[in-house]
Amino acid sequence: MHLLVRYGLSIGCASLALLITSPTIIAQSLPDSVAWRDTGPKTPHGLAVVKTTDGKTVRSYFPVDCIGFEEKISYFSRNPEVRPFPRIQYVDVYKIASATIRGHQLENMGPAGCPDVLAMRVVEGPVELFAMSGSVGDKVPLIFSVVNPALATATLLAQLGGSAMERNRWFVRRNGQLLALTHGNFRKLMTDYTADYLAISTQIRQGATGFHYKDTPQIINLYNQFLQDTAAK
């Protein structure tokens, strides 16, 4: 591996080099269907399709019990259920552009000024909502084994409820513009963001019940419905 990194794929980070070069090594020893099959429901790492910031697309095994990642991601370069069992490795989040894990899409929040955050898309529509809950060391259980994507998203949002909401970091994207929400900027930013729908923006500005930072998913869903209904007229 050191020779491969030194002579073939030097990228300045040994762990990322292992992530990128591992498909060739695995292909020589295991059938593709075995090497890249997903893990079982009790295994904390699952199959991910990863796009790196230098334009490569690779497969790896990322944690499935985190809603987003910050700073570093633990991963396996090959199936952790197949012998010989691989060693756990780590990659910096800023080197990952996006990842798809069992139907869930995660993207780097660099355009919002947070290149060390890989957040999960939890709401789709005219406005997309991304979430990063806690850190790799502050895991939120996530049932990734749900086959139905719609049910998986509903399960995800349910698990983001309660007190965990206050720890969540939210990011919204509309027309390609990605913005980071914080407790400090939420009221003003979202009041302006939804200004064309007074029923929402007024309640956000006034701090009405159900329109606080922790209610961001419900707010985005309501606003998306308004945008879709307006476009349909």
Protein backbone atom coordinates (compact mmCIF):
# COMPACT_ATOMS: atom_id res chain seq x y z
CA MET A 1 0.00 0.00 0.00
CA HIS A 2 2.84 2.39 0.82
CA LEU A 3 4.29 1.73 -2.63
CA LEU A 4 0.95 2.40 -4.27
CA VAL A 5 0.58 5.65 -2.40
CA ARG A 6 4.15 6.73 -3.09
CA TYR A 7 4.38 5.77 -6.75
CA GLY A 8 0.81 5.82 -8.03
CA LEU A 9 -1.73 7.78 -6.09
CA SER A 10 -0.06 10.33 -3.84
CA ILE A 11 -2.78 12.62 -2.52
CA GLY A 12 -1.21 13.90 0.67
CA CYS A 13 -3.37 11.84 3.02
CA ALA A 14 -2.66 8.18 3.71
CA SER A 15 -6.20 7.42 4.85
CA LEU A 16 -7.81 9.01 1.80
CA ALA A 17 -5.31 7.25 -0.44
CA LEU A 18 -6.43 3.95 1.04
CA LEU A 19 -10.05 4.86 0.43
CA ILE A 20 -9.36 5.71 -3.21
CA THR A 21 -6.98 2.87 -4.09
CA SER A 22 -8.82 0.09 -2.28
CA PRO A 23 -11.23 -0.88 -5.14
CA THR A 24 -8.34 -2.11 -7.29
CA ILE A 25 -6.90 -4.18 -4.46
CA ILE A 26 -10.23 -5.72 -3.55
CA ALA A 27 -11.12 -6.53 -7.14
CA GLN A 28 -8.05 -8.75 -7.32
CA SER A 29 -9.07 -10.88 -4.35
CA LEU A 30 -12.87 -10.93 -4.10
CA PRO A 31 -15.79 -11.08 -6.52
CA ASP A 32 -17.39 -7.66 -6.87
CA SER A 33 -20.72 -8.91 -5.49
CA VAL A 34 -18.96 -10.00 -2.29
CA ALA A 35 -16.49 -7.16 -1.97
CA TRP A 36 -19.15 -4.47 -2.29
CA ARG A 37 -22.25 -5.99 -0.76
CA ASP A 38 -23.93 -4.00 1.96
CA THR A 39 -23.57 -4.94 5.61
CA GLY A 40 -26.19 -6.35 7.94
CA PRO A 41 -28.53 -4.22 10.09
CA LYS A 42 -26.41 -4.65 13.24
CA THR A 43 -23.14 -3.54 11.65
CA PRO A 44 -22.34 0.13 12.41
CA HIS A 45 -20.81 0.76 8.96
CA GLY A 46 -22.66 0.40 5.65
CA LEU A 47 -21.87 0.63 1.97
CA ALA A 48 -21.42 4.18 0.69
CA VAL A 49 -20.79 5.65 -2.75
CA VAL A 50 -18.44 8.57 -2.16
CA LYS A 51 -17.42 11.48 -4.36
CA THR A 52 -14.18 13.13 -3.31
CA THR A 53 -13.39 16.79 -3.76
CA ASP A 54 -10.79 15.90 -6.39
CA GLY A 55 -13.47 14.36 -8.62
CA LYS A 56 -13.12 10.64 -7.89
CA THR A 57 -16.04 8.31 -7.18
CA VAL A 58 -15.26 5.39 -4.88
CA ARG A 59 -17.05 2.89 -2.70
CA SER A 60 -16.37 2.52 0.99
CA TYR A 61 -18.11 1.74 4.29
CA PHE A 62 -19.27 4.73 6.34
CA PRO A 63 -21.05 4.85 9.74
CA VAL A 64 -24.81 4.43 9.56
CA ASP A 65 -25.60 5.67 13.08
CA CYS A 66 -24.76 9.33 12.45
CA ILE A 67 -26.90 12.05 10.90
CA GLY A 68 -24.12 13.88 9.15
CA PHE A 69 -20.45 14.16 10.05
CA GLU A 70 -18.09 16.83 11.29
CA GLU A 71 -14.31 17.07 10.84
CA LYS A 72 -13.52 13.34 10.40
CA ILE A 73 -15.29 10.17 9.31
CA SER A 74 -14.36 6.67 10.40
CA TYR A 75 -14.56 4.22 7.50
CA PHE A 76 -13.51 0.85 6.16
CA SER A 77 -11.96 0.63 2.71
CA ARG A 78 -13.63 -2.76 2.19
CA ASN A 79 -16.45 -4.83 3.63
CA PRO A 80 -15.98 -5.07 7.43
CA GLU A 81 -17.91 -8.36 7.48
CA VAL A 82 -15.60 -10.13 5.02
CA ARG A 83 -12.35 -11.78 6.15
CA PRO A 84 -9.63 -10.72 6.46
CA PHE A 85 -11.35 -7.98 8.43
CA PRO A 86 -10.07 -4.51 7.48
CA ARG A 87 -8.69 -1.93 9.89
CA ILE A 88 -10.74 1.16 10.64
CA GLN A 89 -9.42 4.34 9.05
CA TYR A 90 -10.27 8.04 9.08
CA VAL A 91 -10.73 10.70 6.42
CA ASP A 92 -11.15 14.45 6.76
CA VAL A 93 -14.64 15.65 5.89
CA TYR A 94 -13.35 18.50 3.74
CA LYS A 95 -12.01 15.91 1.30
CA ILE A 96 -15.48 14.45 0.73
CA ALA A 97 -17.83 16.24 -1.69
CA SER A 98 -20.81 13.93 -1.18
CA ALA A 99 -21.82 10.44 -0.14
CA THR A 100 -24.85 8.25 -0.67
CA ILE A 101 -25.56 5.70 2.04
CA ARG A 102 -28.55 3.39 1.57
CA GLY A 103 -30.54 5.98 -0.31
CA HIS A 104 -29.61 8.90 1.94
CA GLN A 105 -27.72 11.77 0.34
CA LEU A 106 -25.05 13.70 2.24
CA GLU A 107 -23.24 16.74 0.90
CA ASN A 108 -20.34 18.89 1.96
CA MET A 109 -21.51 22.23 3.37
CA GLY A 110 -18.49 24.14 2.10
CA PRO A 111 -20.64 26.52 -0.01
CA ALA A 112 -22.29 27.63 3.26
CA GLY A 113 -18.89 28.26 4.85
CA CYS A 114 -18.68 24.90 6.65
CA PRO A 115 -16.27 22.65 4.68
CA ASP A 116 -15.80 20.40 7.74
CA VAL A 117 -19.48 19.40 7.76
CA LEU A 118 -21.05 16.65 5.68
CA ALA A 119 -24.80 17.09 6.23
CA MET A 120 -27.69 14.82 5.31
CA ARG A 121 -30.56 15.95 3.11
CA VAL A 122 -33.72 15.46 5.17
CA VAL A 123 -36.24 17.49 3.16
CA GLU A 124 -36.50 17.71 -0.62
CA GLY A 125 -38.43 20.25 -2.66
CA PRO A 126 -37.96 23.80 -3.94
CA VAL A 127 -36.07 24.35 -0.70
CA GLU A 128 -33.82 21.49 0.43
CA LEU A 129 -33.01 21.04 4.09
CA PHE A 130 -29.80 19.41 5.31
CA ALA A 131 -29.08 18.34 8.88
CA MET A 132 -25.99 17.56 10.91
CA SER A 133 -26.90 16.27 14.36
CA GLY A 134 -24.08 16.21 16.87
CA SER A 135 -20.69 14.90 15.82
CA VAL A 136 -19.18 11.52 15.08
CA GLY A 137 -18.67 11.20 18.83
CA ASP A 138 -22.26 12.25 19.60
CA LYS A 139 -24.17 9.69 17.61
CA VAL A 140 -27.90 9.73 16.99
CA PRO A 141 -29.29 6.23 16.22
CA LEU A 142 -30.43 6.08 12.63
CA ILE A 143 -32.36 3.18 11.06
CA PHE A 144 -30.75 2.96 7.65
CA SER A 145 -32.10 -0.51 6.95
CA VAL A 146 -35.52 0.85 5.89
CA VAL A 147 -35.98 -0.09 2.23
CA ASN A 148 -38.72 2.40 1.33
CA PRO A 149 -37.01 5.81 0.87
CA ALA A 150 -40.17 7.72 1.86
CA LEU A 151 -40.47 5.71 5.06
CA ALA A 152 -36.75 6.10 5.71
CA THR A 153 -37.06 9.89 5.51
CA ALA A 154 -40.05 9.91 7.85
CA THR A 155 -38.12 7.73 10.30
CA LEU A 156 -35.14 10.06 10.03
CA LEU A 157 -37.19 13.17 10.80
CA ALA A 158 -38.86 11.41 13.73
CA GLN A 159 -35.44 10.61 15.18
CA LEU A 160 -34.44 14.27 14.86
CA GLY A 161 -37.20 15.25 17.27
CA GLY A 162 -37.20 16.15 20.92
CA SER A 163 -34.25 17.70 22.69
CA ALA A 164 -31.89 16.57 19.92
CA MET A 165 -33.38 19.33 17.75
CA GLU A 166 -31.53 21.99 19.71
CA ARG A 167 -28.17 20.38 18.81
CA ASN A 168 -28.96 20.09 15.13
CA ARG A 169 -27.24 22.23 12.56
CA TRP A 170 -29.52 23.14 9.69
CA PHE A 171 -28.65 24.18 6.13
CA VAL A 172 -31.12 25.32 3.48
CA ARG A 173 -30.63 25.43 -0.28
CA ARG A 174 -32.79 27.06 -2.91
CA ASN A 175 -31.84 27.75 -6.52
CA GLY A 176 -28.34 26.51 -5.77
CA GLN A 177 -27.70 28.91 -2.87
CA LEU A 178 -26.73 27.11 0.33
CA LEU A 179 -27.11 28.90 3.67
CA ALA A 180 -26.26 27.85 7.21
CA LEU A 181 -28.89 28.43 9.91
CA THR A 182 -27.84 29.10 13.49
CA HIS A 183 -29.68 29.92 16.69
CA GLY A 184 -28.42 33.48 16.29
CA ASN A 185 -29.42 34.15 12.69
CA PHE A 186 -32.52 31.95 12.46
CA ARG A 187 -35.28 34.46 13.15
CA LYS A 188 -34.07 37.20 10.81
CA LEU A 189 -32.79 34.93 8.07
CA MET A 190 -35.90 32.76 7.92
CA THR A 191 -38.25 35.74 8.21
CA ASP A 192 -36.62 37.19 5.09
CA TYR A 193 -36.36 33.78 3.44
CA THR A 194 -40.12 33.20 3.65
CA ALA A 195 -41.15 36.82 3.15
CA ASP A 196 -43.44 35.93 0.23
CA TYR A 197 -45.54 33.76 2.56
CA LEU A 198 -46.68 36.09 5.34
CA ALA A 199 -48.50 33.35 7.24
CA ILE A 200 -45.09 31.80 7.98
CA SER A 201 -42.72 34.76 8.01
CA THR A 202 -44.85 36.74 10.48
CA GLN A 203 -44.91 33.89 12.98
CA ILE A 204 -41.18 33.32 12.63
CA ARG A 205 -40.52 37.02 13.25
CA GLN A 206 -42.78 37.00 16.31
CA GLY A 207 -41.27 33.80 17.69
CA ALA A 208 -44.62 32.01 17.71
CA THR A 209 -44.91 28.48 19.06
CA GLY A 210 -44.04 25.99 16.34
CA PHE A 211 -41.86 28.45 14.44
CA HIS A 212 -38.57 28.27 16.33
CA TYR A 213 -35.15 26.92 15.33
CA LYS A 214 -36.07 23.40 16.39
CA ASP A 215 -39.14 23.53 14.13
CA THR A 216 -37.09 24.09 10.97
CA PRO A 217 -38.19 20.86 9.18
CA GLN A 218 -41.87 21.68 9.67
CA ILE A 219 -41.30 25.27 8.53
CA ILE A 220 -39.50 24.16 5.37
CA ASN A 221 -42.21 21.62 4.59
CA LEU A 222 -44.92 24.30 4.95
CA TYR A 223 -42.95 26.74 2.83
CA ASN A 224 -42.30 24.13 0.14
CA GLN A 225 -46.00 23.37 -0.02
CA PHE A 226 -46.70 27.07 -0.51
CA LEU A 227 -44.10 27.32 -3.30
CA GLN A 228 -45.47 24.24 -5.05
CA ASP A 229 -49.07 25.43 -4.80
CA THR A 230 -48.08 28.85 -6.12
CA ALA A 231 -46.21 27.34 -9.06
CA ALA A 232 -49.22 25.15 -9.92
CA LYS A 233 -51.59 28.13 -10.25
